[in-house]
Structures are given as C-alpha cells and as structure tokens.
Amino acid sequence: MKTNYMYARMKRSPLNEIFALTICLWLKAGAGPGLGTPFSYAVPGQANELVLIEWGSNQMELLISDKAVTLPITMTDGKWHHVCVTWTTRDGVWEAYQDGDTMGGRFDVTQSFMGELSDLQFWSRVLTANEIYSQATCGGRLIGDVMSWSEESVALHGGLTEVPFDPCHH
C-alpha cells in the first residue's frame, strides 16, 4: 500500500563520509504503476543524497544530491531482479546493473515503494562488473561494508511484514 508510515530503516549509520559507493538489492515490483522509492539515503542538510525512484510510468531514476539520471531498468514482469548502482564522487561517473548486465553512463506518499525487496548491500567502493555479475547470478555473496541486510540491522515500521526469502533459491 502507498503510505508514508510503513518503511524499513537501516539501524546503523555510515561513520565516515563516502566518496564512492555501490548499492545492490533484489527487487520485485508490486501492482504499480511505478516502483516508487525502493531506497533513500539522506545526510545532514541533504535529504536526497542518494535516491532510487520510479514515478508512475516514467523510467527509473537515480538522484544524487538532487541531480537526476535516468536508468534503463525495467521491472514490469513481476519477477525478482538484481539491481546495482555504482557511483564515485571524484568524476561523478555512475553505472547501473540489472541482473548482472551493465547500463552505464521526509517520506512522500507519492514516492512510496510498492513491492518486495531483499538483501540490500551498501559498499563504500565501486564494485567491479565481475563482482556484481557474480552476485546477480548467485555465484557468490558479498557483504556491504557500510550497511548489510540482516534481521538485526533492519527496523520495520508501520506494520511492514518480513518474510523468509533467499534470492538464489526463489
């Protein structure tokens, strides 16, 4: 459902400023249209430091410090997909991956994520294409050094439900 009170919050905050990052997660779209906001990362003074968003029938966008780029990612088949985004502050270069393939280059109710997500990992470096492909194809599992998905690290709010899920055996 679209609400502004149902959300999951990573309990741990990054300790240091981040100059490069990779965020990976498994996503499955809900009824739609649009995914909404599966992921939002805020820093003091900047609410939209890093946001993954898909408005209505628009393409998915990545917002970094309020600058938006369009991602050629589609989630319309109702299946689980592995999505990764990498970015470095040095040159501003970002890359997006869906299912291991590269494609370079306060909560708002209208931005609610509708669907399911799992195994969100957050690194303070840019992962290699091989590392990302390995995770998307279940060849190996890497643990994020900034944040990592586990029952202990995710706080659920507003009546969200947690269900067992192994992305590599679904």
N, C-alpha and C. Protein backbone atom coordinates (compact mmCIF):
# COMPACT_ATOMS: atom_id res chain seq x y z
N MET A 1 0.85 -1.19 0.00
CA MET A 1 0.00 0.00 0.00
C MET A 1 0.88 1.23 0.00
N LYS A 2 0.33 2.31 -0.56
CA LYS A 2 1.07 3.57 -0.54
C LYS A 2 0.80 4.30 0.78
N THR A 3 1.80 4.36 1.64
CA THR A 3 1.67 5.09 2.90
C THR A 3 2.97 5.85 3.12
N ASN A 4 2.96 6.79 4.06
CA ASN A 4 4.21 7.45 4.43
C ASN A 4 4.68 7.01 5.81
N TYR A 5 4.05 5.93 6.34
CA TYR A 5 4.44 5.47 7.67
C TYR A 5 4.96 4.03 7.69
N MET A 6 4.83 3.31 6.57
CA MET A 6 5.38 1.96 6.51
C MET A 6 6.74 2.02 5.83
N TYR A 7 7.78 1.71 6.57
CA TYR A 7 9.12 1.75 5.98
C TYR A 7 10.06 0.91 6.81
N ALA A 8 11.17 0.55 6.20
CA ALA A 8 12.22 -0.17 6.92
C ALA A 8 13.43 0.75 6.97
N ARG A 9 14.02 0.84 8.14
CA ARG A 9 15.16 1.74 8.33
C ARG A 9 16.38 0.92 8.75
N MET A 10 17.50 1.16 8.07
CA MET A 10 18.74 0.50 8.47
C MET A 10 19.17 1.16 9.78
N LYS A 11 19.39 0.35 10.81
CA LYS A 11 19.66 0.89 12.14
C LYS A 11 21.01 1.59 12.24
N ARG A 12 21.98 1.12 11.43
CA ARG A 12 23.33 1.65 11.53
C ARG A 12 23.52 2.79 10.55
N SER A 13 24.20 3.86 10.99
CA SER A 13 24.52 4.96 10.09
C SER A 13 25.98 4.85 9.67
N PRO A 14 26.29 5.25 8.42
CA PRO A 14 27.69 5.26 7.99
C PRO A 14 28.49 6.19 8.89
N LEU A 15 29.70 5.76 9.24
CA LEU A 15 30.51 6.53 10.17
C LEU A 15 31.27 7.65 9.48
N ASN A 16 31.70 7.40 8.26
CA ASN A 16 32.53 8.37 7.57
C ASN A 16 31.87 8.85 6.29
N GLU A 17 32.37 9.99 5.79
CA GLU A 17 31.87 10.49 4.51
C GLU A 17 32.24 9.48 3.42
N ILE A 18 31.34 9.32 2.48
CA ILE A 18 31.53 8.32 1.43
C ILE A 18 31.92 9.00 0.12
N PHE A 19 32.99 8.52 -0.49
CA PHE A 19 33.48 9.12 -1.74
C PHE A 19 33.23 8.22 -2.94
N ALA A 20 32.82 7.00 -2.69
CA ALA A 20 32.44 6.07 -3.76
C ALA A 20 31.44 5.10 -3.13
N LEU A 21 30.58 4.54 -3.96
CA LEU A 21 29.61 3.62 -3.38
C LEU A 21 29.10 2.63 -4.41
N THR A 22 28.64 1.52 -3.90
CA THR A 22 27.85 0.56 -4.66
C THR A 22 26.69 0.14 -3.77
N ILE A 23 25.50 0.15 -4.34
CA ILE A 23 24.32 -0.35 -3.63
C ILE A 23 23.69 -1.43 -4.49
N CYS A 24 23.47 -2.60 -3.92
CA CYS A 24 22.83 -3.70 -4.64
C CYS A 24 21.65 -4.19 -3.82
N LEU A 25 20.60 -4.60 -4.51
CA LEU A 25 19.47 -5.20 -3.83
C LEU A 25 18.65 -6.01 -4.83
N TRP A 26 17.87 -6.93 -4.28
CA TRP A 26 16.92 -7.69 -5.09
C TRP A 26 15.58 -6.99 -4.99
N LEU A 27 14.91 -6.80 -6.13
CA LEU A 27 13.65 -6.07 -6.17
C LEU A 27 12.58 -6.86 -6.91
N LYS A 28 11.36 -6.73 -6.43
CA LYS A 28 10.22 -7.28 -7.14
C LYS A 28 9.10 -6.25 -7.08
N ALA A 29 8.66 -5.81 -8.24
CA ALA A 29 7.67 -4.75 -8.30
C ALA A 29 6.31 -5.21 -7.79
N GLY A 30 5.59 -4.25 -7.21
CA GLY A 30 4.22 -4.51 -6.79
C GLY A 30 3.26 -4.23 -7.95
N ALA A 31 2.02 -3.89 -7.62
CA ALA A 31 0.99 -3.71 -8.65
C ALA A 31 1.25 -2.50 -9.55
N GLY A 32 1.98 -1.50 -9.04
CA GLY A 32 2.30 -0.33 -9.85
C GLY A 32 1.09 0.59 -10.02
N PRO A 33 1.14 1.58 -10.95
CA PRO A 33 2.28 1.80 -11.85
C PRO A 33 3.45 2.45 -11.11
N GLY A 34 4.64 2.10 -11.54
CA GLY A 34 5.84 2.68 -10.93
C GLY A 34 6.23 1.96 -9.66
N LEU A 35 7.53 1.93 -9.41
CA LEU A 35 8.04 1.28 -8.21
C LEU A 35 7.97 2.20 -7.00
N GLY A 36 7.98 3.51 -7.21
CA GLY A 36 8.12 4.43 -6.10
C GLY A 36 9.57 4.56 -5.72
N THR A 37 9.85 4.51 -4.41
CA THR A 37 11.22 4.70 -3.92
C THR A 37 11.68 3.49 -3.13
N PRO A 38 12.40 2.55 -3.78
CA PRO A 38 12.90 1.38 -3.04
C PRO A 38 13.99 1.75 -2.04
N PHE A 39 14.75 2.84 -2.33
CA PHE A 39 15.90 3.15 -1.49
C PHE A 39 16.09 4.65 -1.40
N SER A 40 16.34 5.15 -0.18
CA SER A 40 16.61 6.57 0.02
C SER A 40 17.65 6.71 1.12
N TYR A 41 18.70 7.48 0.82
CA TYR A 41 19.80 7.68 1.77
C TYR A 41 19.99 9.18 1.95
N ALA A 42 19.85 9.65 3.18
CA ALA A 42 19.95 11.08 3.46
C ALA A 42 21.16 11.36 4.34
N VAL A 43 21.73 12.55 4.16
CA VAL A 43 22.81 13.02 5.03
C VAL A 43 22.37 14.37 5.59
N PRO A 44 23.01 14.83 6.68
CA PRO A 44 22.61 16.13 7.24
C PRO A 44 22.65 17.23 6.18
N GLY A 45 21.54 17.95 6.05
CA GLY A 45 21.48 19.05 5.09
C GLY A 45 21.15 18.63 3.67
N GLN A 46 21.00 17.32 3.43
CA GLN A 46 20.68 16.86 2.07
C GLN A 46 19.80 15.62 2.17
N ALA A 47 18.48 15.84 1.97
CA ALA A 47 17.53 14.73 2.09
C ALA A 47 17.67 13.73 0.94
N ASN A 48 18.01 14.24 -0.24
CA ASN A 48 18.12 13.38 -1.42
C ASN A 48 19.57 13.15 -1.81
N GLU A 49 20.37 12.71 -0.86
CA GLU A 49 21.77 12.43 -1.17
C GLU A 49 21.85 11.28 -2.19
N LEU A 50 21.04 10.27 -1.96
CA LEU A 50 21.04 9.13 -2.88
C LEU A 50 19.66 8.49 -2.84
N VAL A 51 18.95 8.54 -3.96
CA VAL A 51 17.58 8.03 -4.01
C VAL A 51 17.38 7.25 -5.31
N LEU A 52 16.76 6.09 -5.18
CA LEU A 52 16.34 5.31 -6.34
C LEU A 52 14.83 5.47 -6.43
N ILE A 53 14.34 5.94 -7.58
CA ILE A 53 12.91 6.27 -7.67
C ILE A 53 12.38 5.97 -9.06
N GLU A 54 11.12 5.54 -9.11
CA GLU A 54 10.44 5.34 -10.39
C GLU A 54 9.03 5.91 -10.27
N TRP A 55 8.78 7.01 -10.98
CA TRP A 55 7.50 7.71 -10.93
C TRP A 55 6.53 7.12 -11.94
N GLY A 56 5.37 6.67 -11.51
CA GLY A 56 4.33 6.27 -12.45
C GLY A 56 4.85 5.45 -13.60
N SER A 57 4.63 5.93 -14.81
CA SER A 57 5.08 5.18 -15.98
C SER A 57 6.43 5.68 -16.49
N ASN A 58 7.08 6.57 -15.73
CA ASN A 58 8.40 7.06 -16.13
C ASN A 58 9.46 5.99 -15.90
N GLN A 59 10.64 6.21 -16.47
CA GLN A 59 11.74 5.28 -16.23
C GLN A 59 12.32 5.50 -14.83
N MET A 60 13.00 4.49 -14.33
CA MET A 60 13.64 4.60 -13.03
C MET A 60 14.70 5.69 -13.07
N GLU A 61 14.82 6.44 -11.98
CA GLU A 61 15.83 7.49 -11.90
C GLU A 61 16.70 7.29 -10.67
N LEU A 62 17.93 7.74 -10.79
CA LEU A 62 18.84 7.80 -9.66
C LEU A 62 19.08 9.27 -9.35
N LEU A 63 18.78 9.67 -8.11
CA LEU A 63 19.05 11.04 -7.67
C LEU A 63 20.27 11.02 -6.78
N ILE A 64 21.27 11.84 -7.13
CA ILE A 64 22.45 12.00 -6.28
C ILE A 64 22.60 13.49 -6.02
N SER A 65 22.46 13.88 -4.75
CA SER A 65 22.49 15.30 -4.36
C SER A 65 21.58 16.13 -5.26
N ASP A 66 20.37 15.62 -5.47
CA ASP A 66 19.33 16.28 -6.26
C ASP A 66 19.60 16.36 -7.76
N LYS A 67 20.68 15.74 -8.24
CA LYS A 67 20.89 15.62 -9.69
C LYS A 67 20.32 14.27 -10.11
N ALA A 68 19.54 14.28 -11.19
CA ALA A 68 18.85 13.06 -11.60
C ALA A 68 19.42 12.50 -12.90
N VAL A 69 19.57 11.18 -12.94
CA VAL A 69 19.90 10.49 -14.19
C VAL A 69 18.87 9.38 -14.39
N THR A 70 18.52 9.16 -15.64
CA THR A 70 17.55 8.11 -15.97
C THR A 70 18.25 6.78 -16.13
N LEU A 71 17.71 5.75 -15.49
CA LEU A 71 18.29 4.41 -15.58
C LEU A 71 17.45 3.53 -16.49
N PRO A 72 18.08 2.83 -17.42
CA PRO A 72 17.33 1.94 -18.30
C PRO A 72 17.02 0.60 -17.63
N ILE A 73 16.29 0.68 -16.52
CA ILE A 73 15.93 -0.52 -15.75
C ILE A 73 14.42 -0.71 -15.84
N THR A 74 14.00 -1.92 -16.15
CA THR A 74 12.56 -2.19 -16.23
C THR A 74 12.19 -3.34 -15.30
N MET A 75 11.08 -3.17 -14.61
CA MET A 75 10.64 -4.13 -13.60
C MET A 75 9.19 -4.52 -13.81
N THR A 76 8.77 -4.69 -15.05
CA THR A 76 7.34 -4.84 -15.31
C THR A 76 6.88 -6.29 -15.35
N ASP A 77 7.79 -7.26 -15.20
CA ASP A 77 7.39 -8.65 -15.38
C ASP A 77 6.97 -9.36 -14.09
N GLY A 78 6.97 -8.64 -12.97
CA GLY A 78 6.53 -9.24 -11.70
C GLY A 78 7.49 -10.28 -11.14
N LYS A 79 8.72 -10.29 -11.66
CA LYS A 79 9.73 -11.25 -11.17
C LYS A 79 10.77 -10.51 -10.32
N TRP A 80 11.55 -11.29 -9.56
CA TRP A 80 12.66 -10.73 -8.79
C TRP A 80 13.80 -10.34 -9.74
N HIS A 81 14.40 -9.16 -9.50
CA HIS A 81 15.54 -8.71 -10.29
C HIS A 81 16.63 -8.20 -9.36
N HIS A 82 17.88 -8.43 -9.76
CA HIS A 82 19.03 -7.92 -9.02
C HIS A 82 19.43 -6.58 -9.63
N VAL A 83 19.48 -5.53 -8.80
CA VAL A 83 19.80 -4.19 -9.27
C VAL A 83 20.98 -3.65 -8.48
N CYS A 84 21.97 -3.11 -9.19
CA CYS A 84 23.12 -2.45 -8.54
C CYS A 84 23.34 -1.08 -9.16
N VAL A 85 23.75 -0.13 -8.32
CA VAL A 85 24.16 1.18 -8.80
C VAL A 85 25.51 1.50 -8.19
N THR A 86 26.46 1.95 -9.04
CA THR A 86 27.76 2.39 -8.52
C THR A 86 27.95 3.86 -8.86
N TRP A 87 28.73 4.56 -8.02
CA TRP A 87 28.95 5.99 -8.23
C TRP A 87 30.23 6.40 -7.50
N THR A 88 30.99 7.28 -8.11
CA THR A 88 32.15 7.83 -7.43
C THR A 88 32.09 9.36 -7.49
N THR A 89 32.41 10.02 -6.37
CA THR A 89 32.32 11.48 -6.30
C THR A 89 33.44 12.13 -7.12
N ARG A 90 34.53 11.42 -7.29
CA ARG A 90 35.70 12.02 -7.94
C ARG A 90 35.38 12.52 -9.35
N ASP A 91 34.75 11.66 -10.16
CA ASP A 91 34.43 12.06 -11.53
C ASP A 91 32.93 12.03 -11.81
N GLY A 92 32.13 11.69 -10.79
CA GLY A 92 30.67 11.69 -10.97
C GLY A 92 30.15 10.56 -11.82
N VAL A 93 31.02 9.62 -12.18
CA VAL A 93 30.60 8.52 -13.05
C VAL A 93 29.72 7.53 -12.29
N TRP A 94 28.61 7.15 -12.91
CA TRP A 94 27.72 6.15 -12.31
C TRP A 94 27.50 5.04 -13.32
N GLU A 95 27.19 3.87 -12.81
CA GLU A 95 26.78 2.75 -13.64
C GLU A 95 25.62 2.06 -12.96
N ALA A 96 24.72 1.52 -13.76
CA ALA A 96 23.61 0.75 -13.22
C ALA A 96 23.66 -0.64 -13.82
N TYR A 97 23.29 -1.62 -13.03
CA TYR A 97 23.28 -3.02 -13.47
C TYR A 97 21.92 -3.62 -13.16
N GLN A 98 21.38 -4.37 -14.11
CA GLN A 98 20.18 -5.16 -13.85
C GLN A 98 20.49 -6.60 -14.19
N ASP A 99 20.33 -7.48 -13.20
CA ASP A 99 20.60 -8.91 -13.37
C ASP A 99 22.01 -9.16 -13.90
N GLY A 100 22.97 -8.36 -13.42
CA GLY A 100 24.37 -8.57 -13.75
C GLY A 100 24.84 -7.87 -15.01
N ASP A 101 23.92 -7.29 -15.79
CA ASP A 101 24.31 -6.59 -17.02
C ASP A 101 24.41 -5.10 -16.78
N THR A 102 25.46 -4.49 -17.30
CA THR A 102 25.70 -3.07 -17.06
C THR A 102 24.93 -2.18 -18.03
N MET A 103 24.55 -1.00 -17.55
CA MET A 103 23.90 0.01 -18.37
C MET A 103 24.47 1.35 -17.95
N GLY A 104 25.71 1.71 -18.46
CA GLY A 104 26.43 2.86 -17.93
C GLY A 104 25.75 4.20 -18.07
N GLY A 105 26.97 4.70 -18.24
CA GLY A 105 26.67 6.08 -18.25
C GLY A 105 26.43 6.65 -16.77
N ARG A 106 11.99 13.58 4.28
CA ARG A 106 10.76 13.17 4.91
C ARG A 106 10.04 12.39 3.84
N PHE A 107 9.25 11.24 4.15
CA PHE A 107 8.77 10.42 3.07
C PHE A 107 7.53 11.05 2.43
N ASP A 108 7.52 10.95 1.11
CA ASP A 108 6.39 11.47 0.34
C ASP A 108 5.53 10.28 -0.08
N VAL A 109 4.24 10.33 0.20
CA VAL A 109 3.35 9.20 -0.10
C VAL A 109 3.40 8.84 -1.58
N THR A 110 3.51 9.84 -2.45
CA THR A 110 3.51 9.57 -3.89
C THR A 110 4.78 8.85 -4.32
N GLN A 111 5.78 8.83 -3.45
CA GLN A 111 7.04 8.17 -3.78
C GLN A 111 7.19 6.82 -3.08
N SER A 112 6.12 6.35 -2.42
CA SER A 112 6.22 5.08 -1.70
C SER A 112 6.62 3.95 -2.64
N PHE A 113 7.49 3.09 -2.14
CA PHE A 113 7.84 1.87 -2.87
C PHE A 113 6.74 0.84 -2.65
N MET A 114 6.23 0.28 -3.74
CA MET A 114 5.26 -0.81 -3.62
C MET A 114 5.86 -2.06 -4.22
N GLY A 115 6.07 -3.07 -3.41
CA GLY A 115 6.66 -4.30 -3.88
C GLY A 115 7.42 -4.98 -2.76
N GLU A 116 8.38 -5.79 -3.15
CA GLU A 116 9.20 -6.51 -2.18
C GLU A 116 10.66 -6.23 -2.49
N LEU A 117 11.48 -6.20 -1.46
CA LEU A 117 12.92 -6.07 -1.68
C LEU A 117 13.66 -6.90 -0.66
N SER A 118 14.90 -7.27 -1.01
CA SER A 118 15.68 -8.13 -0.14
C SER A 118 17.16 -7.91 -0.35
N ASP A 119 17.93 -8.29 0.66
CA ASP A 119 19.39 -8.37 0.57
C ASP A 119 20.03 -7.10 0.06
N LEU A 120 19.65 -5.95 0.66
CA LEU A 120 20.28 -4.69 0.28
C LEU A 120 21.68 -4.62 0.88
N GLN A 121 22.66 -4.35 0.05
CA GLN A 121 24.05 -4.23 0.50
C GLN A 121 24.60 -2.88 0.03
N PHE A 122 25.41 -2.23 0.87
CA PHE A 122 25.89 -0.88 0.59
C PHE A 122 27.39 -0.86 0.86
N TRP A 123 28.18 -0.58 -0.18
CA TRP A 123 29.65 -0.54 -0.07
C TRP A 123 30.18 0.88 -0.25
N SER A 124 31.35 1.15 0.32
CA SER A 124 32.00 2.45 0.16
C SER A 124 33.04 2.41 -0.95
N ARG A 125 32.82 1.56 -1.93
CA ARG A 125 33.69 1.50 -3.10
C ARG A 125 32.86 1.06 -4.30
N VAL A 126 33.44 1.23 -5.47
CA VAL A 126 32.77 0.78 -6.69
C VAL A 126 33.13 -0.69 -6.92
N LEU A 127 32.13 -1.54 -6.89
CA LEU A 127 32.36 -2.96 -7.17
C LEU A 127 32.67 -3.15 -8.65
N THR A 128 33.45 -4.17 -8.95
CA THR A 128 33.75 -4.47 -10.34
C THR A 128 32.55 -5.13 -11.01
N ALA A 129 32.53 -5.08 -12.33
CA ALA A 129 31.45 -5.72 -13.08
C ALA A 129 31.38 -7.21 -12.76
N ASN A 130 32.54 -7.84 -12.57
CA ASN A 130 32.57 -9.27 -12.24
C ASN A 130 31.96 -9.55 -10.88
N GLU A 131 32.27 -8.68 -9.90
CA GLU A 131 31.70 -8.86 -8.56
C GLU A 131 30.17 -8.75 -8.60
N ILE A 132 29.68 -7.80 -9.38
CA ILE A 132 28.24 -7.59 -9.48
C ILE A 132 27.58 -8.74 -10.21
N TYR A 133 28.18 -9.18 -11.31
CA TYR A 133 27.62 -10.29 -12.08
C TYR A 133 27.56 -11.55 -11.22
N SER A 134 28.60 -11.77 -10.43
CA SER A 134 28.66 -12.95 -9.57
C SER A 134 27.50 -12.97 -8.58
N GLN A 135 27.17 -11.80 -8.02
CA GLN A 135 26.06 -11.74 -7.07
C GLN A 135 24.71 -11.91 -7.75
N ALA A 136 24.56 -11.28 -8.93
CA ALA A 136 23.29 -11.34 -9.64
C ALA A 136 22.98 -12.76 -10.11
N THR A 137 24.03 -13.53 -10.38
CA THR A 137 23.83 -14.90 -10.87
C THR A 137 24.05 -15.92 -9.75
N CYS A 138 24.14 -15.40 -8.51
CA CYS A 138 24.29 -16.25 -7.33
C CYS A 138 25.57 -17.07 -7.34
N GLY A 139 26.62 -16.50 -7.93
CA GLY A 139 27.93 -17.16 -7.92
C GLY A 139 28.68 -16.89 -6.64
N GLY A 140 28.26 -15.88 -5.89
CA GLY A 140 28.92 -15.55 -4.63
C GLY A 140 28.15 -14.45 -3.94
N ARG A 141 28.38 -14.29 -2.64
CA ARG A 141 27.67 -13.26 -1.88
C ARG A 141 28.68 -12.36 -1.20
N LEU A 142 28.58 -11.06 -1.46
CA LEU A 142 29.47 -10.08 -0.83
C LEU A 142 28.66 -9.28 0.19
N ILE A 143 29.31 -8.91 1.26
CA ILE A 143 28.65 -8.18 2.35
C ILE A 143 29.09 -6.72 2.31
N GLY A 144 28.11 -5.82 2.30
CA GLY A 144 28.41 -4.39 2.27
C GLY A 144 29.15 -3.92 3.51
N ASP A 145 30.16 -3.07 3.33
CA ASP A 145 30.94 -2.58 4.48
C ASP A 145 30.26 -1.38 5.14
N VAL A 146 29.35 -0.69 4.44
CA VAL A 146 28.63 0.44 5.04
C VAL A 146 27.36 -0.06 5.72
N MET A 147 26.57 -0.82 4.97
CA MET A 147 25.35 -1.42 5.52
C MET A 147 25.14 -2.77 4.89
N SER A 148 24.58 -3.68 5.67
CA SER A 148 24.31 -5.01 5.16
C SER A 148 22.97 -5.49 5.69
N TRP A 149 22.26 -6.17 4.84
CA TRP A 149 20.92 -6.67 5.15
C TRP A 149 20.99 -7.83 6.14
N SER A 150 20.32 -7.68 7.25
CA SER A 150 20.14 -8.80 8.18
C SER A 150 18.96 -8.47 9.06
N GLU A 151 18.40 -9.49 9.69
CA GLU A 151 17.23 -9.25 10.54
C GLU A 151 17.56 -8.26 11.65
N GLU A 152 18.80 -8.31 12.15
CA GLU A 152 19.19 -7.46 13.27
C GLU A 152 19.36 -6.01 12.84
N SER A 153 19.71 -5.77 11.56
CA SER A 153 20.08 -4.42 11.14
C SER A 153 18.93 -3.62 10.55
N VAL A 154 17.79 -4.29 10.29
CA VAL A 154 16.66 -3.59 9.66
C VAL A 154 15.52 -3.44 10.67
N ALA A 155 15.12 -2.19 10.91
CA ALA A 155 13.98 -1.92 11.80
C ALA A 155 12.74 -1.68 10.96
N LEU A 156 11.66 -2.44 11.21
CA LEU A 156 10.42 -2.30 10.44
C LEU A 156 9.46 -1.37 11.17
N HIS A 157 8.81 -0.48 10.40
CA HIS A 157 7.88 0.48 10.99
C HIS A 157 6.53 0.42 10.27
N GLY A 158 5.46 0.70 11.01
CA GLY A 158 4.14 0.89 10.42
C GLY A 158 3.45 -0.37 9.96
N GLY A 159 3.89 -1.53 10.44
CA GLY A 159 3.20 -2.76 10.10
C GLY A 159 3.74 -3.46 8.86
N LEU A 160 4.96 -3.14 8.44
CA LEU A 160 5.58 -3.89 7.34
C LEU A 160 5.75 -5.34 7.75
N THR A 161 5.66 -6.25 6.80
CA THR A 161 5.86 -7.66 7.11
C THR A 161 7.17 -8.15 6.52
N GLU A 162 7.80 -9.04 7.26
CA GLU A 162 9.05 -9.64 6.83
C GLU A 162 8.78 -11.13 6.55
N VAL A 163 9.21 -11.58 5.39
CA VAL A 163 9.02 -12.99 5.07
C VAL A 163 10.35 -13.60 4.68
N PRO A 164 10.56 -14.89 4.95
CA PRO A 164 11.83 -15.52 4.60
C PRO A 164 12.00 -15.50 3.09
N PHE A 165 13.21 -15.18 2.63
CA PHE A 165 13.47 -15.16 1.19
C PHE A 165 14.95 -15.36 0.93
N ASP A 166 15.25 -16.29 0.06
CA ASP A 166 16.62 -16.48 -0.40
C ASP A 166 16.64 -16.20 -1.89
N PRO A 167 17.24 -15.07 -2.31
CA PRO A 167 17.17 -14.67 -3.72
C PRO A 167 17.78 -15.70 -4.65
N CYS A 168 18.64 -16.55 -4.13
CA CYS A 168 19.31 -17.51 -5.00
C CYS A 168 18.57 -18.84 -5.08
N HIS A 169 17.46 -18.97 -4.35
CA HIS A 169 16.65 -20.19 -4.43
C HIS A 169 15.17 -19.85 -4.43
N HIS A 170 14.79 -18.87 -5.26
CA HIS A 170 13.37 -18.49 -5.28
C HIS A 170 12.67 -19.04 -6.51
